[in-house]
Protein backbone atom coordinates (compact mmCIF):
# COMPACT_ATOMS: atom_id res chain seq x y z
CA UNK A 1 -9.15 100.06 -29.46
CA UNK A 2 -6.05 98.26 -28.22
CA UNK A 3 -7.39 98.32 -24.67
CA UNK A 4 -10.59 96.54 -25.75
CA UNK A 5 -8.62 93.87 -27.63
CA UNK A 6 -6.37 93.32 -24.62
CA UNK A 7 -9.38 92.94 -22.32
CA UNK A 8 -10.96 90.37 -24.67
CA UNK A 9 -7.72 88.38 -24.87
CA UNK A 10 -7.32 88.47 -21.09
CA UNK A 11 -10.88 87.19 -20.55
CA UNK A 12 -10.21 84.31 -22.97
CA UNK A 13 -7.08 83.34 -21.05
CA UNK A 14 -8.89 83.52 -17.70
CA UNK A 15 -12.19 81.80 -18.61
CA UNK A 16 -11.12 79.22 -21.21
CA UNK A 17 -9.92 76.60 -18.66
CA UNK A 18 -13.22 76.88 -16.76
CA UNK A 19 -15.26 76.41 -19.94
CA UNK A 20 -13.16 73.44 -21.06
CA UNK A 21 -13.41 71.78 -17.63
CA UNK A 22 -17.21 71.47 -17.88
CA UNK A 23 -17.26 68.33 -20.02
CA UNK A 24 -20.35 66.19 -20.60
CA UNK A 25 -20.34 63.30 -18.13
CA UNK A 26 -21.79 60.23 -19.81
CA UNK A 27 -21.91 56.73 -18.32
CA UNK A 28 -18.50 55.79 -19.74
CA UNK A 29 -16.91 58.54 -17.61
CA UNK A 30 -17.81 56.73 -14.36
CA UNK A 31 -15.87 53.65 -13.21
CA UNK A 32 -18.96 52.08 -11.61
CA UNK A 33 -22.71 52.33 -11.40
CA UNK A 34 -22.37 53.56 -7.82
CA UNK A 35 -20.17 56.50 -8.89
CA UNK A 36 -22.72 57.50 -11.53
CA UNK A 37 -25.53 57.17 -8.96
CA UNK A 38 -23.66 59.54 -6.63
CA UNK A 39 -23.47 62.11 -9.45
CA UNK A 40 -27.21 61.69 -10.12
CA UNK A 41 -27.89 62.24 -6.40
CA UNK A 42 -25.69 65.36 -6.48
CA UNK A 43 -27.75 66.80 -9.36
CA UNK A 44 -31.14 65.03 -9.74
CA UNK A 45 -32.05 67.22 -12.74
CA UNK A 46 -29.73 64.83 -14.67
CA UNK A 47 -28.21 67.30 -17.17
CA UNK A 48 -25.87 64.55 -18.43
CA UNK A 49 -28.57 61.98 -19.17
CA UNK A 50 -27.25 59.34 -16.76
CA UNK A 51 -30.78 58.03 -16.09
CA UNK A 52 -31.93 57.13 -19.61
CA UNK A 53 -35.21 55.48 -18.58
CA UNK A 54 -36.13 57.99 -15.82
CA UNK A 55 -36.40 55.33 -13.13
CA UNK A 56 -34.04 57.15 -10.73
CA UNK A 57 -31.15 54.74 -11.30
CA UNK A 58 -28.08 55.99 -13.17
CA UNK A 59 -26.01 54.01 -15.70
CA UNK A 60 -27.60 50.64 -15.00
CA UNK A 61 -25.14 48.79 -17.28
CA UNK A 62 -22.00 50.12 -15.56
CA UNK A 63 -19.93 47.61 -13.54
CA UNK A 64 -20.03 47.06 -9.74
CA UNK A 65 -20.12 48.36 -7.10
CA UNK A 66 -23.81 49.14 -7.37
CA UNK A 67 -26.17 51.59 -5.67
CA UNK A 68 -29.59 51.00 -7.14
CA UNK A 69 -31.67 53.00 -4.69
CA UNK A 70 -33.72 55.31 -6.95
CA UNK A 71 -33.21 59.06 -6.75
CA UNK A 72 -36.37 61.10 -6.21
CA UNK A 73 -38.69 58.12 -6.17
CA UNK A 74 -37.98 57.21 -9.79
CA UNK A 75 -40.55 57.31 -12.56
CA UNK A 76 -43.97 58.79 -11.72
CA UNK A 77 -46.76 56.19 -11.59
CA UNK A 78 -48.55 55.65 -14.87
CA UNK A 79 -52.17 56.80 -15.08
CA UNK A 80 -54.60 53.99 -15.76
CA UNK A 81 -58.23 53.66 -16.80
CA UNK A 82 -60.84 53.03 -14.10
CA UNK A 83 -61.95 49.43 -13.87
CA UNK A 84 -58.96 48.17 -15.84
CA UNK A 85 -57.27 46.70 -12.80
CA UNK A 86 -54.41 49.13 -13.34
CA UNK A 87 -53.20 47.34 -16.45
CA UNK A 88 -54.29 49.60 -19.30
CA UNK A 89 -52.66 53.02 -19.67
CA UNK A 90 -54.86 55.97 -20.55
CA UNK A 91 -54.81 56.82 -24.25
CA UNK A 92 -53.22 60.14 -25.17
CA UNK A 93 -56.12 62.02 -26.76
CA UNK A 94 -54.32 65.34 -26.98
CA UNK A 95 -56.86 67.14 -24.82
CA UNK A 96 -59.74 69.35 -25.91
CA UNK A 97 -59.55 71.34 -29.13
CA UNK A 98 -59.55 74.87 -27.76
CA UNK A 99 -59.06 76.80 -31.00
CA UNK A 100 -62.47 75.94 -32.51
CA UNK A 101 -64.10 76.70 -29.15
CA UNK A 102 -62.32 80.07 -28.93
CA UNK A 103 -63.29 80.87 -32.53
CA UNK A 104 -66.95 80.07 -31.79
CA UNK A 105 -66.96 82.25 -28.66
CA UNK A 106 -65.27 85.11 -30.52
CA UNK A 107 -67.71 84.77 -33.42
CA UNK A 108 -70.70 84.82 -31.08
CA UNK A 109 -69.33 87.91 -29.32
CA UNK A 110 -68.80 89.73 -32.60
CA UNK A 111 -72.30 88.75 -33.79
CA UNK A 112 -73.75 90.03 -30.53
CA UNK A 113 -71.88 93.32 -30.89
CA UNK A 114 -73.12 93.65 -34.46
CA UNK A 115 -76.73 93.11 -33.39
CA UNK A 116 -76.41 95.70 -30.61
CA UNK A 117 -75.15 98.36 -33.00
CA UNK A 118 -78.33 98.15 -35.15
C-alpha cells in the first residue's frame, strides 16, 4: 500500500508543473495583435478563443503592431437565396422532419407484415 501511495505522490510532483504551465491564453496575455495572430497561426483550431468572430483575425482590439492577414481564409461565405443578389441569407428551416417519415415507413412495413401473415 505504501508503494502505491509513493508512486501517486511522485507522479503529482512530476506532472503538476506541466499541468499548471498550460494556462488559457486570452487576448490580454498577448502584448500585441500581431503576437496573438502568430499564436492563431500556430494553432488554427483556436482552443483559446482568440478569434471571437471567426474571421481569421485574432484579438482585433489588441494594440500594434498588427498582422491582419486572416488565418485559413476566415469566415466561410454565407449561403444566399437565388435571385436575391446575394443580400438575403437563407432562412434556417431546421431541415426535414425525419422522425414522422421514419414512423410512417415503419408503420407501413409492420402493416405489410401483418397482412402477409394472414
